[in-house]
PDB file of N, CA and C in Angstrom:
ATOM      1  N   UNK A   1       0.836  -1.180   0.000  1.00  0.00           N
ATOM      2  CA  UNK A   1       0.000   0.000   0.000  1.00  0.00           C
ATOM      3  C   UNK A   1       0.884   1.247   0.000  1.00  0.00           C
ATOM      4  N   UNK A   2       0.546   2.184  -0.810  1.00  0.00           N
ATOM      5  CA  UNK A   2       1.228   3.477  -0.842  1.00  0.00           C
ATOM      6  C   UNK A   2       0.193   4.531  -1.179  1.00  0.00           C
ATOM      7  N   UNK A   3       0.076   5.500  -0.283  1.00  0.00           N
ATOM      8  CA  UNK A   3      -0.844   6.616  -0.505  1.00  0.00           C
ATOM      9  C   UNK A   3      -0.098   7.891  -0.139  1.00  0.00           C
ATOM     10  N   UNK A   4      -0.042   8.834  -1.070  1.00  0.00           N
ATOM     11  CA  UNK A   4       0.634  10.108  -0.843  1.00  0.00           C
ATOM     12  C   UNK A   4      -0.410  11.216  -0.890  1.00  0.00           C
ATOM     13  N   UNK A   5      -0.468  12.023   0.170  1.00  0.00           N
ATOM     14  CA  UNK A   5      -1.406  13.134   0.244  1.00  0.00           C
ATOM     15  C   UNK A   5      -0.628  14.433   0.371  1.00  0.00           C
ATOM     16  N   UNK A   6      -0.821  15.313  -0.598  1.00  0.00           N
ATOM     17  CA  UNK A   6      -0.220  16.643  -0.533  1.00  0.00           C
ATOM     18  C   UNK A   6      -1.057  17.474   0.430  1.00  0.00           C
ATOM     19  N   UNK A   7      -0.420  18.070   1.439  1.00  0.00           N
ATOM     20  CA  UNK A   7      -1.157  18.864   2.415  1.00  0.00           C
ATOM     21  C   UNK A   7      -1.171  20.335   2.013  1.00  0.00           C
ATOM     22  N   UNK A   8      -0.031  20.916   1.754  1.00  0.00           N
ATOM     23  CA  UNK A   8       0.108  22.285   1.272  1.00  0.00           C
ATOM     24  C   UNK A   8       1.590  22.626   1.268  1.00  0.00           C
ATOM     25  N   UNK A   9       1.966  23.636   0.538  1.00  0.00           N
ATOM     26  CA  UNK A   9       3.342  24.126   0.430  1.00  0.00           C
ATOM     27  C   UNK A   9       4.318  22.970   0.224  1.00  0.00           C
ATOM     28  N   UNK A  10       4.984  22.526   1.280  1.00  0.00           N
ATOM     29  CA  UNK A  10       5.949  21.431   1.167  1.00  0.00           C
ATOM     30  C   UNK A  10       5.557  20.227   2.016  1.00  0.00           C
ATOM     31  N   UNK A  11       4.362  20.212   2.564  1.00  0.00           N
ATOM     32  CA  UNK A  11       3.952  19.157   3.491  1.00  0.00           C
ATOM     33  C   UNK A  11       3.236  18.013   2.761  1.00  0.00           C
ATOM     34  N   UNK A  12       3.624  16.795   3.129  1.00  0.00           N
ATOM     35  CA  UNK A  12       3.036  15.590   2.566  1.00  0.00           C
ATOM     36  C   UNK A  12       2.819  14.570   3.677  1.00  0.00           C
ATOM     37  N   UNK A  13       1.792  13.752   3.529  1.00  0.00           N
ATOM     38  CA  UNK A  13       1.592  12.577   4.357  1.00  0.00           C
ATOM     39  C   UNK A  13       1.708  11.378   3.435  1.00  0.00           C
ATOM     40  N   UNK A  14       2.623  10.464   3.757  1.00  0.00           N
ATOM     41  CA  UNK A  14       2.820   9.250   2.975  1.00  0.00           C
ATOM     42  C   UNK A  14       2.426   8.079   3.853  1.00  0.00           C
ATOM     43  N   UNK A  15       1.480   7.289   3.385  1.00  0.00           N
ATOM     44  CA  UNK A  15       1.014   6.131   4.138  1.00  0.00           C
ATOM     45  C   UNK A  15       1.506   4.864   3.449  1.00  0.00           C
ATOM     46  N   UNK A  16       2.222   4.051   4.209  1.00  0.00           N
ATOM     47  CA  UNK A  16       2.740   2.772   3.741  1.00  0.00           C
ATOM     48  C   UNK A  16       2.047   1.650   4.498  1.00  0.00           C
ATOM     49  N   UNK A  17       2.264   0.428   4.104  1.00  0.00           N
ATOM     50  CA  UNK A  17       1.594  -0.688   4.771  1.00  0.00           C
ATOM     51  C   UNK A  17       2.052  -0.856   6.216  1.00  0.00           C
ATOM     52  N   UNK A  18       3.275  -0.445   6.541  1.00  0.00           N
ATOM     53  CA  UNK A  18       3.819  -0.674   7.878  1.00  0.00           C
ATOM     54  C   UNK A  18       4.022   0.591   8.710  1.00  0.00           C
ATOM     55  N   UNK A  19       3.877   1.785   8.104  1.00  0.00           N
ATOM     56  CA  UNK A  19       4.062   3.037   8.843  1.00  0.00           C
ATOM     57  C   UNK A  19       3.543   4.203   8.006  1.00  0.00           C
ATOM     58  N   UNK A  20       3.530   5.385   8.618  1.00  0.00           N
ATOM     59  CA  UNK A  20       3.181   6.619   7.907  1.00  0.00           C
ATOM     60  C   UNK A  20       4.322   7.610   8.078  1.00  0.00           C
ATOM     61  N   UNK A  21       4.485   8.490   7.083  1.00  0.00           N
ATOM     62  CA  UNK A  21       5.553   9.481   7.079  1.00  0.00           C
ATOM     63  C   UNK A  21       4.931  10.853   6.882  1.00  0.00           C
ATOM     64  N   UNK A  22       5.298  11.787   7.723  1.00  0.00           N
ATOM     65  CA  UNK A  22       4.789  13.154   7.620  1.00  0.00           C
ATOM     66  C   UNK A  22       5.977  14.078   7.376  1.00  0.00           C
ATOM     67  N   UNK A  23       5.947  14.788   6.258  1.00  0.00           N
ATOM     68  CA  UNK A  23       7.060  15.641   5.861  1.00  0.00           C
ATOM     69  C   UNK A  23       6.702  17.114   5.958  1.00  0.00           C
ATOM     70  N   UNK A  24       7.548  17.885   6.631  1.00  0.00           N
ATOM     71  CA  UNK A  24       7.512  19.352   6.664  1.00  0.00           C
ATOM     72  C   UNK A  24       6.157  19.948   7.043  1.00  0.00           C
ATOM     73  N   UNK A  25       5.483  19.337   7.987  1.00  0.00           N
ATOM     74  CA  UNK A  25       4.207  19.874   8.469  1.00  0.00           C
ATOM     75  C   UNK A  25       4.473  21.099   9.334  1.00  0.00           C
ATOM     76  N   UNK A  26       3.647  22.127   9.176  1.00  0.00           N
ATOM     77  CA  UNK A  26       3.790  23.317  10.027  1.00  0.00           C
ATOM     78  C   UNK A  26       2.458  23.938  10.401  1.00  0.00           C
ATOM     79  N   UNK A  27       1.357  23.328  10.061  1.00  0.00           N
ATOM     80  CA  UNK A  27       0.056  23.857  10.460  1.00  0.00           C
ATOM     81  C   UNK A  27      -1.051  23.272   9.623  1.00  0.00           C
ATOM     82  N   UNK A  28      -2.253  23.443  10.103  1.00  0.00           N
ATOM     83  CA  UNK A  28      -3.408  22.929   9.385  1.00  0.00           C
ATOM     84  C   UNK A  28      -3.753  21.512   9.787  1.00  0.00           C
ATOM     85  N   UNK A  29      -4.828  21.036   9.234  1.00  0.00           N
ATOM     86  CA  UNK A  29      -5.329  19.699   9.571  1.00  0.00           C
ATOM     87  C   UNK A  29      -4.441  18.616   8.966  1.00  0.00           C
ATOM     88  N   UNK A  30      -4.258  17.566   9.729  1.00  0.00           N
ATOM     89  CA  UNK A  30      -3.584  16.372   9.229  1.00  0.00           C
ATOM     90  C   UNK A  30      -4.690  15.364   8.938  1.00  0.00           C
ATOM     91  N   UNK A  31      -4.748  14.829   7.728  1.00  0.00           N
ATOM     92  CA  UNK A  31      -5.823  13.909   7.393  1.00  0.00           C
ATOM     93  C   UNK A  31      -5.808  12.658   8.270  1.00  0.00           C
ATOM     94  N   UNK A  32      -6.922  11.992   8.333  1.00  0.00           N
ATOM     95  CA  UNK A  32      -7.014  10.742   9.096  1.00  0.00           C
ATOM     96  C   UNK A  32      -6.058   9.714   8.505  1.00  0.00           C
ATOM     97  N   UNK A  33      -5.395   8.963   9.370  1.00  0.00           N
ATOM     98  CA  UNK A  33      -4.512   7.881   8.957  1.00  0.00           C
ATOM     99  C   UNK A  33      -4.520   6.848  10.077  1.00  0.00           C
ATOM    100  N   UNK A  34      -3.982   5.673   9.826  1.00  0.00           N
ATOM    101  CA  UNK A  34      -3.973   4.587  10.805  1.00  0.00           C
ATOM    102  C   UNK A  34      -2.992   4.912  11.930  1.00  0.00           C
ATOM    103  N   UNK A  35      -3.510   5.304  13.066  1.00  0.00           N
ATOM    104  CA  UNK A  35      -2.671   5.699  14.200  1.00  0.00           C
ATOM    105  C   UNK A  35      -2.121   4.511  14.984  1.00  0.00           C
ATOM    106  N   UNK A  36      -2.449   3.303  14.563  1.00  0.00           N
ATOM    107  CA  UNK A  36      -1.863   2.120  15.201  1.00  0.00           C
ATOM    108  C   UNK A  36      -0.486   1.813  14.630  1.00  0.00           C
ATOM    109  N   UNK A  37      -0.204   2.327  13.442  1.00  0.00           N
ATOM    110  CA  UNK A  37       1.107   2.136  12.818  1.00  0.00           C
ATOM    111  C   UNK A  37       2.036   3.266  13.273  1.00  0.00           C
ATOM    112  N   UNK A  38       3.337   3.012  13.309  1.00  0.00           N
ATOM    113  CA  UNK A  38       4.277   4.090  13.663  1.00  0.00           C
ATOM    114  C   UNK A  38       4.182   5.251  12.680  1.00  0.00           C
ATOM    115  N   UNK A  39       4.431   6.448  13.200  1.00  0.00           N
ATOM    116  CA  UNK A  39       4.472   7.654  12.388  1.00  0.00           C
ATOM    117  C   UNK A  39       5.862   8.257  12.508  1.00  0.00           C
ATOM    118  N   UNK A  40       6.477   8.544  11.376  1.00  0.00           N
ATOM    119  CA  UNK A  40       7.775   9.199  11.342  1.00  0.00           C
ATOM    120  C   UNK A  40       7.551  10.610  10.818  1.00  0.00           C
ATOM    121  N   UNK A  41       7.969  11.596  11.607  1.00  0.00           N
ATOM    122  CA  UNK A  41       7.778  13.005  11.271  1.00  0.00           C
ATOM    123  C   UNK A  41       9.130  13.584  10.868  1.00  0.00           C
ATOM    124  N   UNK A  42       9.201  14.141   9.675  1.00  0.00           N
ATOM    125  CA  UNK A  42      10.433  14.710   9.139  1.00  0.00           C
ATOM    126  C   UNK A  42      10.301  16.219   9.024  1.00  0.00           C
ATOM    127  N   UNK A  43      11.349  16.923   9.394  1.00  0.00           N
ATOM    128  CA  UNK A  43      11.410  18.368   9.197  1.00  0.00           C
ATOM    129  C   UNK A  43      12.731  18.668   8.502  1.00  0.00           C
ATOM    130  N   UNK A  44      12.649  19.186   7.275  1.00  0.00           N
ATOM    131  CA  UNK A  44      13.865  19.388   6.486  1.00  0.00           C
ATOM    132  C   UNK A  44      14.719  20.543   7.004  1.00  0.00           C
ATOM    133  N   UNK A  45      14.085  21.549   7.607  1.00  0.00           N
ATOM    134  CA  UNK A  45      14.821  22.645   8.235  1.00  0.00           C
ATOM    135  C   UNK A  45      13.869  23.440   9.124  1.00  0.00           C
ATOM    136  N   UNK A  46      14.410  24.369   9.900  1.00  0.00           N
ATOM    137  CA  UNK A  46      13.648  25.012  10.975  1.00  0.00           C
ATOM    138  C   UNK A  46      12.828  26.222  10.542  1.00  0.00           C
ATOM    139  N   UNK A  47      12.771  26.552   9.283  1.00  0.00           N
ATOM    140  CA  UNK A  47      11.951  27.700   8.867  1.00  0.00           C
ATOM    141  C   UNK A  47      10.489  27.456   9.204  1.00  0.00           C
ATOM    142  N   UNK A  48       9.787  28.519   9.485  1.00  0.00           N
ATOM    143  CA  UNK A  48       8.393  28.436   9.916  1.00  0.00           C
ATOM    144  C   UNK A  48       7.452  27.789   8.922  1.00  0.00           C
ATOM    145  N   UNK A  49       7.837  27.724   7.648  1.00  0.00           N
ATOM    146  CA  UNK A  49       6.966  27.074   6.669  1.00  0.00           C
ATOM    147  C   UNK A  49       7.361  25.620   6.406  1.00  0.00           C
ATOM    148  N   UNK A  50       8.211  25.052   7.272  1.00  0.00           N
ATOM    149  CA  UNK A  50       8.601  23.647   7.170  1.00  0.00           C
ATOM    150  C   UNK A  50       8.586  22.944   8.527  1.00  0.00           C
ATOM    151  N   UNK A  51       8.344  23.696   9.584  1.00  0.00           N
ATOM    152  CA  UNK A  51       8.427  23.112  10.927  1.00  0.00           C
ATOM    153  C   UNK A  51       7.607  23.942  11.904  1.00  0.00           C
ATOM    154  N   UNK A  52       6.901  23.248  12.782  1.00  0.00           N
ATOM    155  CA  UNK A  52       6.214  23.899  13.895  1.00  0.00           C
ATOM    156  C   UNK A  52       6.419  23.044  15.140  1.00  0.00           C
ATOM    157  N   UNK A  53       6.761  23.642  16.279  1.00  0.00           N
ATOM    158  CA  UNK A  53       6.920  22.853  17.505  1.00  0.00           C
ATOM    159  C   UNK A  53       5.622  22.179  17.942  1.00  0.00           C
ATOM    160  N   UNK A  54       4.497  22.607  17.405  1.00  0.00           N
ATOM    161  CA  UNK A  54       3.220  21.970  17.739  1.00  0.00           C
ATOM    162  C   UNK A  54       3.180  20.494  17.360  1.00  0.00           C
ATOM    163  N   UNK A  55       4.033  20.084  16.450  1.00  0.00           N
ATOM    164  CA  UNK A  55       4.021  18.697  16.008  1.00  0.00           C
ATOM    165  C   UNK A  55       4.314  17.735  17.158  1.00  0.00           C
ATOM    166  N   UNK A  56       4.970  18.219  18.212  1.00  0.00           N
ATOM    167  CA  UNK A  56       5.295  17.352  19.345  1.00  0.00           C
ATOM    168  C   UNK A  56       4.087  17.072  20.232  1.00  0.00           C
ATOM    169  N   UNK A  57       3.079  17.911  20.198  1.00  0.00           N
ATOM    170  CA  UNK A  57       1.906  17.698  21.053  1.00  0.00           C
ATOM    171  C   UNK A  57       0.615  17.476  20.261  1.00  0.00           C
ATOM    172  N   UNK A  58       0.603  17.802  19.011  1.00  0.00           N
ATOM    173  CA  UNK A  58      -0.610  17.760  18.213  1.00  0.00           C
ATOM    174  C   UNK A  58      -1.180  16.358  18.017  1.00  0.00           C
ATOM    175  N   UNK A  59      -0.344  15.392  17.793  1.00  0.00           N
ATOM    176  CA  UNK A  59      -0.808  14.080  17.359  1.00  0.00           C
ATOM    177  C   UNK A  59      -1.321  13.211  18.495  1.00  0.00           C
ATOM    178  N   UNK A  60      -0.821  13.372  19.697  1.00  0.00           N
ATOM    179  CA  UNK A  60      -1.294  12.584  20.830  1.00  0.00           C
ATOM    180  C   UNK A  60      -1.092  11.090  20.653  1.00  0.00           C
ATOM    181  N   UNK A  61       0.029  10.705  20.082  1.00  0.00           N
ATOM    182  CA  UNK A  61       0.338   9.296  19.841  1.00  0.00           C
ATOM    183  C   UNK A  61       1.624   8.918  20.569  1.00  0.00           C
ATOM    184  N   UNK A  62       1.736   7.644  20.926  1.00  0.00           N
ATOM    185  CA  UNK A  62       2.950   7.156  21.580  1.00  0.00           C
ATOM    186  C   UNK A  62       3.982   6.648  20.577  1.00  0.00           C
ATOM    187  N   UNK A  63       3.535   6.270  19.402  1.00  0.00           N
ATOM    188  CA  UNK A  63       4.432   5.643  18.436  1.00  0.00           C
ATOM    189  C   UNK A  63       4.846   6.626  17.336  1.00  0.00           C
ATOM    190  N   UNK A  64       5.364   7.780  17.764  1.00  0.00           N
ATOM    191  CA  UNK A  64       5.827   8.812  16.833  1.00  0.00           C
ATOM    192  C   UNK A  64       7.339   8.958  16.982  1.00  0.00           C
ATOM    193  N   UNK A  65       8.015   9.032  15.846  1.00  0.00           N
ATOM    194  CA  UNK A  65       9.455   9.223  15.811  1.00  0.00           C
ATOM    195  C   UNK A  65       9.737  10.471  14.994  1.00  0.00           C
ATOM    196  N   UNK A  66      10.726  11.240  15.409  1.00  0.00           N
ATOM    197  CA  UNK A  66      11.026  12.523  14.772  1.00  0.00           C
ATOM    198  C   UNK A  66      12.412  12.504  14.147  1.00  0.00           C
ATOM    199  N   UNK A  67      12.499  13.006  12.931  1.00  0.00           N
ATOM    200  CA  UNK A  67      13.765  13.177  12.228  1.00  0.00           C
ATOM    201  C   UNK A  67      13.840  14.652  11.878  1.00  0.00           C
ATOM    202  N   UNK A  68      14.692  15.379  12.605  1.00  0.00           N
ATOM    203  CA  UNK A  68      14.731  16.838  12.487  1.00  0.00           C
ATOM    204  C   UNK A  68      16.088  17.302  11.980  1.00  0.00           C
ATOM    205  N   UNK A  69      16.072  18.287  11.117  1.00  0.00           N
ATOM    206  CA  UNK A  69      17.316  18.897  10.662  1.00  0.00           C
ATOM    207  C   UNK A  69      17.886  19.748  11.797  1.00  0.00           C
ATOM    208  N   UNK A  70      19.199  19.932  11.804  1.00  0.00           N
ATOM    209  CA  UNK A  70      19.802  20.723  12.880  1.00  0.00           C
ATOM    210  C   UNK A  70      19.791  22.187  12.560  1.00  0.00           C
TER     211      UNK A  70
END
């Protein structure tokens, strides 16, 4: 399974059979996805249109992993 959803600007949600990937989210609604699978959140850099600190509290999931640029 592979499903790619463009969210806006540079943000995408990619759903795979074993996990989901969220790229460069910085605001707005995140579409429904299987929250039982791990979620990997990527931020390519710290600019406000590619990253928001809200991502750490917004999802309310235990199985979230973060890959952040320095």
